[in-house]
Amino acid sequence: MKKVIILGIFLLLNNFAWLCFYAYSLIDQGVTISHQADSYAIVETRLAQALVVANKNLVGQPLSRVNEVLTVDAYGLEPFVKGQCLYAGGLCLHLGEGKVITHVSSE
């Protein structure tokens, strides 16, 4: 009888452990899926900003012209200059001599 009780307790503990592992895997999947969706949203926003830069042909333009065209970036924020880059929507528009856009890269 004592063996049956011990085996029953082990069975319950084993089932509880499997339930915990299953709950952990569900939570892990949820976090992974939300992170993936957020990553896709960031890439989509950067692509939208890159298309604006490409369609307006901003490479080779002076900073004053770029500021007229890009009043807000893809995130709804005002582009800003830091160092030798104009940051707009996840893109870095590199400034050369005379504050002219030389090339574009992603942050």
PDB file of N, CA and C in Angstrom:
ATOM      1  N   MET A   1       0.819  -1.197   0.000  1.00  0.00           N
ATOM      2  CA  MET A   1       0.000   0.000   0.000  1.00  0.00           C
ATOM      3  C   MET A   1       0.864   1.262   0.000  1.00  0.00           C
ATOM      4  N   LYS A   2       1.975   1.179   0.728  1.00  0.00           N
ATOM      5  CA  LYS A   2       2.859   2.331   0.826  1.00  0.00           C
ATOM      6  C   LYS A   2       3.469   2.665  -0.541  1.00  0.00           C
ATOM      7  N   LYS A   3       3.782   1.606  -1.335  1.00  0.00           N
ATOM      8  CA  LYS A   3       4.349   1.810  -2.666  1.00  0.00           C
ATOM      9  C   LYS A   3       3.344   2.505  -3.585  1.00  0.00           C
ATOM     10  N   VAL A   4       2.076   2.164  -3.463  1.00  0.00           N
ATOM     11  CA  VAL A   4       1.036   2.772  -4.292  1.00  0.00           C
ATOM     12  C   VAL A   4       0.909   4.262  -3.993  1.00  0.00           C
ATOM     13  N   ILE A   5       0.978   4.628  -2.740  1.00  0.00           N
ATOM     14  CA  ILE A   5       0.879   6.043  -2.348  1.00  0.00           C
ATOM     15  C   ILE A   5       2.082   6.817  -2.881  1.00  0.00           C
ATOM     16  N   ILE A   6       3.271   6.243  -2.738  1.00  0.00           N
ATOM     17  CA  ILE A   6       4.487   6.910  -3.230  1.00  0.00           C
ATOM     18  C   ILE A   6       4.430   7.047  -4.752  1.00  0.00           C
ATOM     19  N   LEU A   7       4.016   5.993  -5.450  1.00  0.00           N
ATOM     20  CA  LEU A   7       3.899   6.065  -6.905  1.00  0.00           C
ATOM     21  C   LEU A   7       2.832   7.083  -7.328  1.00  0.00           C
ATOM     22  N   GLY A   8       1.747   7.166  -6.580  1.00  0.00           N
ATOM     23  CA  GLY A   8       0.706   8.163  -6.866  1.00  0.00           C
ATOM     24  C   GLY A   8       1.229   9.581  -6.697  1.00  0.00           C
ATOM     25  N   ILE A   9       2.031   9.799  -5.647  1.00  0.00           N
ATOM     26  CA  ILE A   9       2.615  11.129  -5.429  1.00  0.00           C
ATOM     27  C   ILE A   9       3.577  11.471  -6.570  1.00  0.00           C
ATOM     28  N   PHE A  10       4.413  10.503  -6.975  1.00  0.00           N
ATOM     29  CA  PHE A  10       5.329  10.742  -8.090  1.00  0.00           C
ATOM     30  C   PHE A  10       4.577  11.027  -9.384  1.00  0.00           C
ATOM     31  N   LEU A  11       3.476  10.346  -9.596  1.00  0.00           N
ATOM     32  CA  LEU A  11       2.658  10.574 -10.779  1.00  0.00           C
ATOM     33  C   LEU A  11       2.094  12.001 -10.778  1.00  0.00           C
ATOM     34  N   LEU A  12       1.579  12.432  -9.637  1.00  0.00           N
ATOM     35  CA  LEU A  12       1.053  13.794  -9.535  1.00  0.00           C
ATOM     36  C   LEU A  12       2.151  14.846  -9.740  1.00  0.00           C
ATOM     37  N   LEU A  13       3.317  14.622  -9.149  1.00  0.00           N
ATOM     38  CA  LEU A  13       4.435  15.561  -9.326  1.00  0.00           C
ATOM     39  C   LEU A  13       4.900  15.601 -10.781  1.00  0.00           C
ATOM     40  N   ASN A  14       4.920  14.430 -11.410  1.00  0.00           N
ATOM     41  CA  ASN A  14       5.323  14.362 -12.811  1.00  0.00           C
ATOM     42  C   ASN A  14       4.333  15.131 -13.691  1.00  0.00           C
ATOM     43  N   ASN A  15       3.051  14.937 -13.462  1.00  0.00           N
ATOM     44  CA  ASN A  15       2.037  15.651 -14.240  1.00  0.00           C
ATOM     45  C   ASN A  15       2.115  17.158 -13.992  1.00  0.00           C
ATOM     46  N   PHE A  16       2.364  17.540 -12.742  1.00  0.00           N
ATOM     47  CA  PHE A  16       2.508  18.965 -12.424  1.00  0.00           C
ATOM     48  C   PHE A  16       3.726  19.561 -13.139  1.00  0.00           C
ATOM     49  N   ALA A  17       4.822  18.818 -13.186  1.00  0.00           N
ATOM     50  CA  ALA A  17       6.027  19.297 -13.887  1.00  0.00           C
ATOM     51  C   ALA A  17       5.742  19.475 -15.374  1.00  0.00           C
ATOM     52  N   TRP A  18       5.053  18.501 -15.994  1.00  0.00           N
ATOM     53  CA  TRP A  18       4.714  18.631 -17.408  1.00  0.00           C
ATOM     54  C   TRP A  18       3.786  19.822 -17.647  1.00  0.00           C
ATOM     55  N   LEU A  19       2.861  20.066 -16.744  1.00  0.00           N
ATOM     56  CA  LEU A  19       1.976  21.220 -16.862  1.00  0.00           C
ATOM     57  C   LEU A  19       2.769  22.530 -16.794  1.00  0.00           C
ATOM     58  N   CYS A  20       3.751  22.585 -15.886  1.00  0.00           N
ATOM     59  CA  CYS A  20       4.599  23.787 -15.784  1.00  0.00           C
ATOM     60  C   CYS A  20       5.407  24.004 -17.056  1.00  0.00           C
ATOM     61  N   PHE A  21       5.990  22.927 -17.596  1.00  0.00           N
ATOM     62  CA  PHE A  21       6.759  23.046 -18.838  1.00  0.00           C
ATOM     63  C   PHE A  21       5.874  23.493 -19.998  1.00  0.00           C
ATOM     64  N   TYR A  22       4.650  22.979 -20.053  1.00  0.00           N
ATOM     65  CA  TYR A  22       3.717  23.369 -21.111  1.00  0.00           C
ATOM     66  C   TYR A  22       3.339  24.845 -20.980  1.00  0.00           C
ATOM     67  N   ALA A  23       3.075  25.298 -19.772  1.00  0.00           N
ATOM     68  CA  ALA A  23       2.746  26.711 -19.559  1.00  0.00           C
ATOM     69  C   ALA A  23       3.932  27.595 -19.937  1.00  0.00           C
ATOM     70  N   TYR A  24       5.136  27.171 -19.571  1.00  0.00           N
ATOM     71  CA  TYR A  24       6.339  27.933 -19.935  1.00  0.00           C
ATOM     72  C   TYR A  24       6.494  28.027 -21.443  1.00  0.00           C
ATOM     73  N   SER A  25       6.249  26.920 -22.155  1.00  0.00           N
ATOM     74  CA  SER A  25       6.400  26.948 -23.613  1.00  0.00           C
ATOM     75  C   SER A  25       5.358  27.857 -24.256  1.00  0.00           C
ATOM     76  N   LEU A  26       4.143  27.896 -23.699  1.00  0.00           N
ATOM     77  CA  LEU A  26       3.124  28.800 -24.230  1.00  0.00           C
ATOM     78  C   LEU A  26       3.518  30.267 -24.023  1.00  0.00           C
ATOM     79  N   ILE A  27       4.030  30.589 -22.852  1.00  0.00           N
ATOM     80  CA  ILE A  27       4.463  31.956 -22.574  1.00  0.00           C
ATOM     81  C   ILE A  27       5.642  32.317 -23.471  1.00  0.00           C
ATOM     82  N   ASP A  28       6.590  31.403 -23.635  1.00  0.00           N
ATOM     83  CA  ASP A  28       7.747  31.643 -24.485  1.00  0.00           C
ATOM     84  C   ASP A  28       7.323  31.873 -25.932  1.00  0.00           C
ATOM     85  N   GLN A  29       6.373  31.094 -26.418  1.00  0.00           N
ATOM     86  CA  GLN A  29       5.859  31.280 -27.775  1.00  0.00           C
ATOM     87  C   GLN A  29       5.192  32.638 -27.932  1.00  0.00           C
ATOM     88  N   GLY A  30       4.435  33.056 -26.945  1.00  0.00           N
ATOM     89  CA  GLY A  30       3.772  34.353 -27.000  1.00  0.00           C
ATOM     90  C   GLY A  30       4.762  35.498 -27.048  1.00  0.00           C
ATOM     91  N   VAL A  31       5.809  35.420 -26.241  1.00  0.00           N
ATOM     92  CA  VAL A  31       6.843  36.461 -26.248  1.00  0.00           C
ATOM     93  C   VAL A  31       7.566  36.473 -27.591  1.00  0.00           C
ATOM     94  N   THR A  32       7.882  35.303 -28.119  1.00  0.00           N
ATOM     95  CA  THR A  32       8.581  35.206 -29.401  1.00  0.00           C
ATOM     96  C   THR A  32       7.742  35.794 -30.526  1.00  0.00           C
ATOM     97  N   ILE A  33       6.459  35.479 -30.551  1.00  0.00           N
ATOM     98  CA  ILE A  33       5.586  35.977 -31.609  1.00  0.00           C
ATOM     99  C   ILE A  33       5.425  37.494 -31.517  1.00  0.00           C
ATOM    100  N   SER A  34       5.289  38.029 -30.304  1.00  0.00           N
ATOM    101  CA  SER A  34       5.147  39.478 -30.180  1.00  0.00           C
ATOM    102  C   SER A  34       6.452  40.184 -30.548  1.00  0.00           C
ATOM    103  N   HIS A  35       7.602  39.591 -30.207  1.00  0.00           N
ATOM    104  CA  HIS A  35       8.888  40.174 -30.603  1.00  0.00           C
ATOM    105  C   HIS A  35       9.034  40.150 -32.122  1.00  0.00           C
ATOM    106  N   GLN A  36       8.617  39.063 -32.751  1.00  0.00           N
ATOM    107  CA  GLN A  36       8.693  38.950 -34.200  1.00  0.00           C
ATOM    108  C   GLN A  36       7.802  39.989 -34.872  1.00  0.00           C
ATOM    109  N   ALA A  37       6.601  40.174 -34.354  1.00  0.00           N
ATOM    110  CA  ALA A  37       5.693  41.166 -34.925  1.00  0.00           C
ATOM    111  C   ALA A  37       6.259  42.573 -34.776  1.00  0.00           C
ATOM    112  N   ASP A  38       6.866  42.851 -33.631  1.00  0.00           N
ATOM    113  CA  ASP A  38       7.476  44.160 -33.420  1.00  0.00           C
ATOM    114  C   ASP A  38       8.651  44.372 -34.370  1.00  0.00           C
ATOM    115  N   SER A  39       9.452  43.342 -34.594  1.00  0.00           N
ATOM    116  CA  SER A  39      10.585  43.447 -35.518  1.00  0.00           C
ATOM    117  C   SER A  39      10.096  43.718 -36.937  1.00  0.00           C
ATOM    118  N   TYR A  40       9.039  43.037 -37.349  1.00  0.00           N
ATOM    119  CA  TYR A  40       8.483  43.289 -38.679  1.00  0.00           C
ATOM    120  C   TYR A  40       7.949  44.722 -38.796  1.00  0.00           C
ATOM    121  N   ALA A  41       7.338  45.229 -37.745  1.00  0.00           N
ATOM    122  CA  ALA A  41       6.827  46.600 -37.771  1.00  0.00           C
ATOM    123  C   ALA A  41       7.961  47.607 -37.901  1.00  0.00           C
ATOM    124  N   ILE A  42       9.060  47.362 -37.202  1.00  0.00           N
ATOM    125  CA  ILE A  42      10.216  48.265 -37.304  1.00  0.00           C
ATOM    126  C   ILE A  42      10.789  48.245 -38.717  1.00  0.00           C
ATOM    127  N   VAL A  43      10.946  47.057 -39.281  1.00  0.00           N
ATOM    128  CA  VAL A  43      11.482  46.940 -40.642  1.00  0.00           C
ATOM    129  C   VAL A  43      10.539  47.601 -41.644  1.00  0.00           C
ATOM    130  N   GLU A  44       9.248  47.425 -41.456  1.00  0.00           N
ATOM    131  CA  GLU A  44       8.273  48.025 -42.360  1.00  0.00           C
ATOM    132  C   GLU A  44       8.326  49.555 -42.288  1.00  0.00           C
ATOM    133  N   THR A  45       8.502  50.096 -41.094  1.00  0.00           N
ATOM    134  CA  THR A  45       8.604  51.543 -40.927  1.00  0.00           C
ATOM    135  C   THR A  45       9.872  52.074 -41.579  1.00  0.00           C
ATOM    136  N   ARG A  46      10.979  51.378 -41.403  1.00  0.00           N
ATOM    137  CA  ARG A  46      12.234  51.805 -42.037  1.00  0.00           C
ATOM    138  C   ARG A  46      12.140  51.725 -43.552  1.00  0.00           C
ATOM    139  N   LEU A  47      11.474  50.703 -44.054  1.00  0.00           N
ATOM    140  CA  LEU A  47      11.289  50.587 -45.498  1.00  0.00           C
ATOM    141  C   LEU A  47      10.447  51.735 -46.020  1.00  0.00           C
ATOM    142  N   ALA A  48       9.390  52.089 -45.308  1.00  0.00           N
ATOM    143  CA  ALA A  48       8.549  53.216 -45.725  1.00  0.00           C
ATOM    144  C   ALA A  48       9.365  54.505 -45.768  1.00  0.00           C
ATOM    145  N   GLN A  49      10.216  54.713 -44.758  1.00  0.00           N
ATOM    146  CA  GLN A  49      11.051  55.918 -44.735  1.00  0.00           C
ATOM    147  C   GLN A  49      12.077  55.882 -45.867  1.00  0.00           C
ATOM    148  N   ALA A  50      12.646  54.719 -46.136  1.00  0.00           N
ATOM    149  CA  ALA A  50      13.623  54.596 -47.225  1.00  0.00           C
ATOM    150  C   ALA A  50      12.970  54.872 -48.580  1.00  0.00           C
ATOM    151  N   LEU A  51      11.725  54.434 -48.737  1.00  0.00           N
ATOM    152  CA  LEU A  51      11.024  54.711 -49.993  1.00  0.00           C
ATOM    153  C   LEU A  51      10.750  56.199 -50.162  1.00  0.00           C
ATOM    154  N   VAL A  52      10.445  56.885 -49.080  1.00  0.00           N
ATOM    155  CA  VAL A  52      10.260  58.342 -49.158  1.00  0.00           C
ATOM    156  C   VAL A  52      11.559  59.007 -49.577  1.00  0.00           C
ATOM    157  N   VAL A  53      12.663  58.595 -48.964  1.00  0.00           N
ATOM    158  CA  VAL A  53      13.970  59.169 -49.305  1.00  0.00           C
ATOM    159  C   VAL A  53      14.311  58.883 -50.764  1.00  0.00           C
ATOM    160  N   ALA A  54      14.031  57.666 -51.223  1.00  0.00           N
ATOM    161  CA  ALA A  54      14.337  57.301 -52.607  1.00  0.00           C
ATOM    162  C   ALA A  54      13.425  58.027 -53.589  1.00  0.00           C
ATOM    163  N   ASN A  55      12.142  58.091 -53.296  1.00  0.00           N
ATOM    164  CA  ASN A  55      11.208  58.732 -54.219  1.00  0.00           C
ATOM    165  C   ASN A  55      11.420  60.238 -54.317  1.00  0.00           C
ATOM    166  N   LYS A  56      11.853  60.851 -53.250  1.00  0.00           N
ATOM    167  CA  LYS A  56      12.109  62.292 -53.267  1.00  0.00           C
ATOM    168  C   LYS A  56      13.532  62.608 -53.745  1.00  0.00           C
ATOM    169  N   ASN A  57      14.330  61.561 -54.005  1.00  0.00           N
ATOM    170  CA  ASN A  57      15.694  61.711 -54.505  1.00  0.00           C
ATOM    171  C   ASN A  57      16.500  62.659 -53.612  1.00  0.00           C
ATOM    172  N   LEU A  58      16.598  62.325 -52.337  1.00  0.00           N
ATOM    173  CA  LEU A  58      17.229  63.213 -51.364  1.00  0.00           C
ATOM    174  C   LEU A  58      18.743  63.080 -51.286  1.00  0.00           C
ATOM    175  N   VAL A  59      19.314  62.017 -51.834  1.00  0.00           N
ATOM    176  CA  VAL A  59      20.775  61.887 -51.826  1.00  0.00           C
ATOM    177  C   VAL A  59      21.339  62.923 -52.789  1.00  0.00           C
ATOM    178  N   GLY A  60      22.266  63.708 -52.293  1.00  0.00           N
ATOM    179  CA  GLY A  60      22.856  64.788 -53.089  1.00  0.00           C
ATOM    180  C   GLY A  60      22.189  66.131 -52.842  1.00  0.00           C
ATOM    181  N   GLN A  61      21.136  66.150 -52.047  1.00  0.00           N
ATOM    182  CA  GLN A  61      20.417  67.391 -51.753  1.00  0.00           C
ATOM    183  C   GLN A  61      20.992  68.031 -50.486  1.00  0.00           C
ATOM    184  N   PRO A  62      20.938  69.356 -50.381  1.00  0.00           N
ATOM    185  CA  PRO A  62      21.401  70.010 -49.152  1.00  0.00           C
ATOM    186  C   PRO A  62      20.429  69.758 -47.998  1.00  0.00           C
ATOM    187  N   LEU A  63      20.930  69.950 -46.778  1.00  0.00           N
ATOM    188  CA  LEU A  63      20.146  69.678 -45.575  1.00  0.00           C
ATOM    189  C   LEU A  63      18.883  70.532 -45.519  1.00  0.00           C
ATOM    190  N   SER A  64      18.950  71.766 -45.986  1.00  0.00           N
ATOM    191  CA  SER A  64      17.770  72.641 -45.942  1.00  0.00           C
ATOM    192  C   SER A  64      16.633  72.076 -46.800  1.00  0.00           C
ATOM    193  N   ARG A  65      16.957  71.538 -47.964  1.00  0.00           N
ATOM    194  CA  ARG A  65      15.938  70.938 -48.852  1.00  0.00           C
ATOM    195  C   ARG A  65      15.362  69.674 -48.204  1.00  0.00           C
ATOM    196  N   VAL A  66      16.216  68.883 -47.576  1.00  0.00           N
ATOM    197  CA  VAL A  66      15.763  67.651 -46.931  1.00  0.00           C
ATOM    198  C   VAL A  66      14.833  67.985 -45.771  1.00  0.00           C
ATOM    199  N   ASN A  67      15.155  69.016 -45.002  1.00  0.00           N
ATOM    200  CA  ASN A  67      14.284  69.414 -43.888  1.00  0.00           C
ATOM    201  C   ASN A  67      12.929  69.909 -44.377  1.00  0.00           C
ATOM    202  N   GLU A  68      12.863  70.485 -45.572  1.00  0.00           N
ATOM    203  CA  GLU A  68      11.572  70.893 -46.139  1.00  0.00           C
ATOM    204  C   GLU A  68      10.727  69.673 -46.507  1.00  0.00           C
ATOM    205  N   VAL A  69      11.372  68.642 -47.054  1.00  0.00           N
ATOM    206  CA  VAL A  69      10.658  67.448 -47.514  1.00  0.00           C
ATOM    207  C   VAL A  69      10.288  66.544 -46.342  1.00  0.00           C
ATOM    208  N   LEU A  70      11.236  66.309 -45.432  1.00  0.00           N
ATOM    209  CA  LEU A  70      11.004  65.413 -44.295  1.00  0.00           C
ATOM    210  C   LEU A  70      10.657  66.232 -43.051  1.00  0.00           C
ATOM    211  N   THR A  71       9.438  66.694 -42.978  1.00  0.00           N
ATOM    212  CA  THR A  71       9.034  67.456 -41.788  1.00  0.00           C
ATOM    213  C   THR A  71       8.794  66.526 -40.604  1.00  0.00           C
ATOM    214  N   VAL A  72       8.269  65.332 -40.873  1.00  0.00           N
ATOM    215  CA  VAL A  72       8.142  64.287 -39.854  1.00  0.00           C
ATOM    216  C   VAL A  72       8.619  62.987 -40.472  1.00  0.00           C
ATOM    217  N   ASP A  73       9.165  62.084 -39.633  1.00  0.00           N
ATOM    218  CA  ASP A  73       9.616  60.801 -40.147  1.00  0.00           C
ATOM    219  C   ASP A  73       8.496  59.770 -40.082  1.00  0.00           C
ATOM    220  N   ALA A  74       8.820  58.536 -40.379  1.00  0.00           N
ATOM    221  CA  ALA A  74       7.813  57.473 -40.421  1.00  0.00           C
ATOM    222  C   ALA A  74       7.221  57.166 -39.052  1.00  0.00           C
ATOM    223  N   TYR A  75       7.896  57.560 -37.977  1.00  0.00           N
ATOM    224  CA  TYR A  75       7.382  57.360 -36.627  1.00  0.00           C
ATOM    225  C   TYR A  75       6.551  58.543 -36.148  1.00  0.00           C
ATOM    226  N   GLY A  76       6.442  59.603 -36.964  1.00  0.00           N
ATOM    227  CA  GLY A  76       5.707  60.789 -36.567  1.00  0.00           C
ATOM    228  C   GLY A  76       6.544  61.768 -35.764  1.00  0.00           C
ATOM    229  N   LEU A  77       7.846  61.543 -35.727  1.00  0.00           N
ATOM    230  CA  LEU A  77       8.751  62.416 -34.990  1.00  0.00           C
ATOM    231  C   LEU A  77       9.483  63.350 -35.949  1.00  0.00           C
ATOM    232  N   GLU A  78      10.036  64.405 -35.393  1.00  0.00           N
ATOM    233  CA  GLU A  78      10.797  65.352 -36.199  1.00  0.00           C
ATOM    234  C   GLU A  78      12.213  64.821 -36.391  1.00  0.00           C
ATOM    235  N   PRO A  79      12.710  64.766 -37.636  1.00  0.00           N
ATOM    236  CA  PRO A  79      14.092  64.322 -37.860  1.00  0.00           C
ATOM    237  C   PRO A  79      15.082  65.247 -37.150  1.00  0.00           C
ATOM    238  N   PHE A  80      16.206  64.685 -36.723  1.00  0.00           N
ATOM    239  CA  PHE A  80      17.202  65.487 -36.010  1.00  0.00           C
ATOM    240  C   PHE A  80      18.602  65.135 -36.488  1.00  0.00           C
ATOM    241  N   VAL A  81      19.503  66.105 -36.326  1.00  0.00           N
ATOM    242  CA  VAL A  81      20.895  65.924 -36.719  1.00  0.00           C
ATOM    243  C   VAL A  81      21.706  65.605 -35.465  1.00  0.00           C
ATOM    244  N   LYS A  82      22.497  64.544 -35.557  1.00  0.00           N
ATOM    245  CA  LYS A  82      23.395  64.175 -34.465  1.00  0.00           C
ATOM    246  C   LYS A  82      24.691  63.702 -35.113  1.00  0.00           C
ATOM    247  N   GLY A  83      25.765  64.387 -34.805  1.00  0.00           N
ATOM    248  CA  GLY A  83      27.038  64.055 -35.435  1.00  0.00           C
ATOM    249  C   GLY A  83      26.989  64.417 -36.907  1.00  0.00           C
ATOM    250  N   GLN A  84      27.275  63.462 -37.739  1.00  0.00           N
ATOM    251  CA  GLN A  84      27.244  63.682 -39.191  1.00  0.00           C
ATOM    252  C   GLN A  84      26.078  62.946 -39.847  1.00  0.00           C
ATOM    253  N   CYS A  85      24.979  62.778 -39.103  1.00  0.00           N
ATOM    254  CA  CYS A  85      23.810  62.069 -39.626  1.00  0.00           C
ATOM    255  C   CYS A  85      22.536  62.856 -39.343  1.00  0.00           C
ATOM    256  N   LEU A  86      21.620  62.791 -40.278  1.00  0.00           N
ATOM    257  CA  LEU A  86      20.254  63.251 -40.053  1.00  0.00           C
ATOM    258  C   LEU A  86      19.436  61.988 -39.830  1.00  0.00           C
ATOM    259  N   TYR A  87      18.953  61.809 -38.603  1.00  0.00           N
ATOM    260  CA  TYR A  87      18.207  60.610 -38.249  1.00  0.00           C
ATOM    261  C   TYR A  87      16.722  60.842 -38.542  1.00  0.00           C
ATOM    262  N   ALA A  88      16.173  59.942 -39.351  1.00  0.00           N
ATOM    263  CA  ALA A  88      14.760  60.052 -39.715  1.00  0.00           C
ATOM    264  C   ALA A  88      14.193  58.646 -39.906  1.00  0.00           C
ATOM    265  N   GLY A  89      13.298  58.247 -39.050  1.00  0.00           N
ATOM    266  CA  GLY A  89      12.582  56.984 -39.215  1.00  0.00           C
ATOM    267  C   GLY A  89      13.462  55.755 -39.249  1.00  0.00           C
ATOM    268  N   GLY A  90      14.493  55.699 -38.430  1.00  0.00           N
ATOM    269  CA  GLY A  90      15.366  54.538 -38.393  1.00  0.00           C
ATOM    270  C   GLY A  90      16.460  54.556 -39.440  1.00  0.00           C
ATOM    271  N   LEU A  91      16.554  55.635 -40.197  1.00  0.00           N
ATOM    272  CA  LEU A  91      17.600  55.768 -41.204  1.00  0.00           C
ATOM    273  C   LEU A  91      18.568  56.869 -40.799  1.00  0.00           C
ATOM    274  N   CYS A  92      19.794  56.720 -41.242  1.00  0.00           N
ATOM    275  CA  CYS A  92      20.814  57.747 -41.031  1.00  0.00           C
ATOM    276  C   CYS A  92      21.176  58.304 -42.402  1.00  0.00           C
ATOM    277  N   LEU A  93      20.820  59.547 -42.646  1.00  0.00           N
ATOM    278  CA  LEU A  93      21.195  60.219 -43.880  1.00  0.00           C
ATOM    279  C   LEU A  93      22.511  60.937 -43.606  1.00  0.00           C
ATOM    280  N   HIS A  94      23.612  60.390 -44.111  1.00  0.00           N
ATOM    281  CA  HIS A  94      24.946  60.903 -43.815  1.00  0.00           C
ATOM    282  C   HIS A  94      25.166  62.251 -44.480  1.00  0.00           C
ATOM    283  N   LEU A  95      25.722  63.178 -43.696  1.00  0.00           N
ATOM    284  CA  LEU A  95      25.989  64.520 -44.190  1.00  0.00           C
ATOM    285  C   LEU A  95      27.465  64.636 -44.570  1.00  0.00           C
ATOM    286  N   GLY A  96      27.711  65.141 -45.754  1.00  0.00           N
ATOM    287  CA  GLY A  96      29.077  65.367 -46.202  1.00  0.00           C
ATOM    288  C   GLY A  96      29.430  66.839 -46.064  1.00  0.00           C
ATOM    289  N   GLU A  97      30.398  67.272 -46.857  1.00  0.00           N
ATOM    290  CA  GLU A  97      30.810  68.676 -46.845  1.00  0.00           C
ATOM    291  C   GLU A  97      29.665  69.550 -47.341  1.00  0.00           C
ATOM    292  N   GLY A  98      29.494  70.696 -46.711  1.00  0.00           N
ATOM    293  CA  GLY A  98      28.431  71.611 -47.108  1.00  0.00           C
ATOM    294  C   GLY A  98      27.049  71.131 -46.706  1.00  0.00           C
ATOM    295  N   LYS A  99      26.970  70.210 -45.735  1.00  0.00           N
ATOM    296  CA  LYS A  99      25.680  69.687 -45.248  1.00  0.00           C
ATOM    297  C   LYS A  99      24.834  69.111 -46.382  1.00  0.00           C
ATOM    298  N   VAL A 100      25.479  68.308 -47.234  1.00  0.00           N
ATOM    299  CA  VAL A 100      24.801  67.638 -48.345  1.00  0.00           C
ATOM    300  C   VAL A 100      24.702  66.150 -48.011  1.00  0.00           C
ATOM    301  N   ILE A 101      23.556  65.547 -48.298  1.00  0.00           N
ATOM    302  CA  ILE A 101      23.344  64.119 -48.036  1.00  0.00           C
ATOM    303  C   ILE A 101      24.199  63.321 -49.005  1.00  0.00           C
ATOM    304  N   THR A 102      25.113  62.498 -48.464  1.00  0.00           N
ATOM    305  CA  THR A 102      25.998  61.708 -49.318  1.00  0.00           C
ATOM    306  C   THR A 102      25.471  60.297 -49.547  1.00  0.00           C
ATOM    307  N   HIS A 103      24.983  59.647 -48.494  1.00  0.00           N
ATOM    308  CA  HIS A 103      24.415  58.307 -48.619  1.00  0.00           C
ATOM    309  C   HIS A 103      23.521  58.024 -47.421  1.00  0.00           C
ATOM    310  N   VAL A 104      22.797  56.924 -47.507  1.00  0.00           N
ATOM    311  CA  VAL A 104      21.820  56.563 -46.485  1.00  0.00           C
ATOM    312  C   VAL A 104      22.177  55.177 -45.947  1.00  0.00           C
ATOM    313  N   SER A 105      22.050  55.029 -44.628  1.00  0.00           N
ATOM    314  CA  SER A 105      22.236  53.707 -44.020  1.00  0.00           C
ATOM    315  C   SER A 105      21.186  53.513 -42.925  1.00  0.00           C
ATOM    316  N   SER A 106      21.034  52.269 -42.527  1.00  0.00           N
ATOM    317  CA  SER A 106      20.092  51.952 -41.457  1.00  0.00           C
ATOM    318  C   SER A 106      20.812  52.048 -40.123  1.00  0.00           C
ATOM    319  N   GLU A 107      20.086  52.447 -39.078  1.00  0.00           N
ATOM    320  CA  GLU A 107      20.691  52.564 -37.745  1.00  0.00           C
ATOM    321  C   GLU A 107      21.096  51.230 -37.199  1.00  0.00           C
TER     322      GLU A 107
END
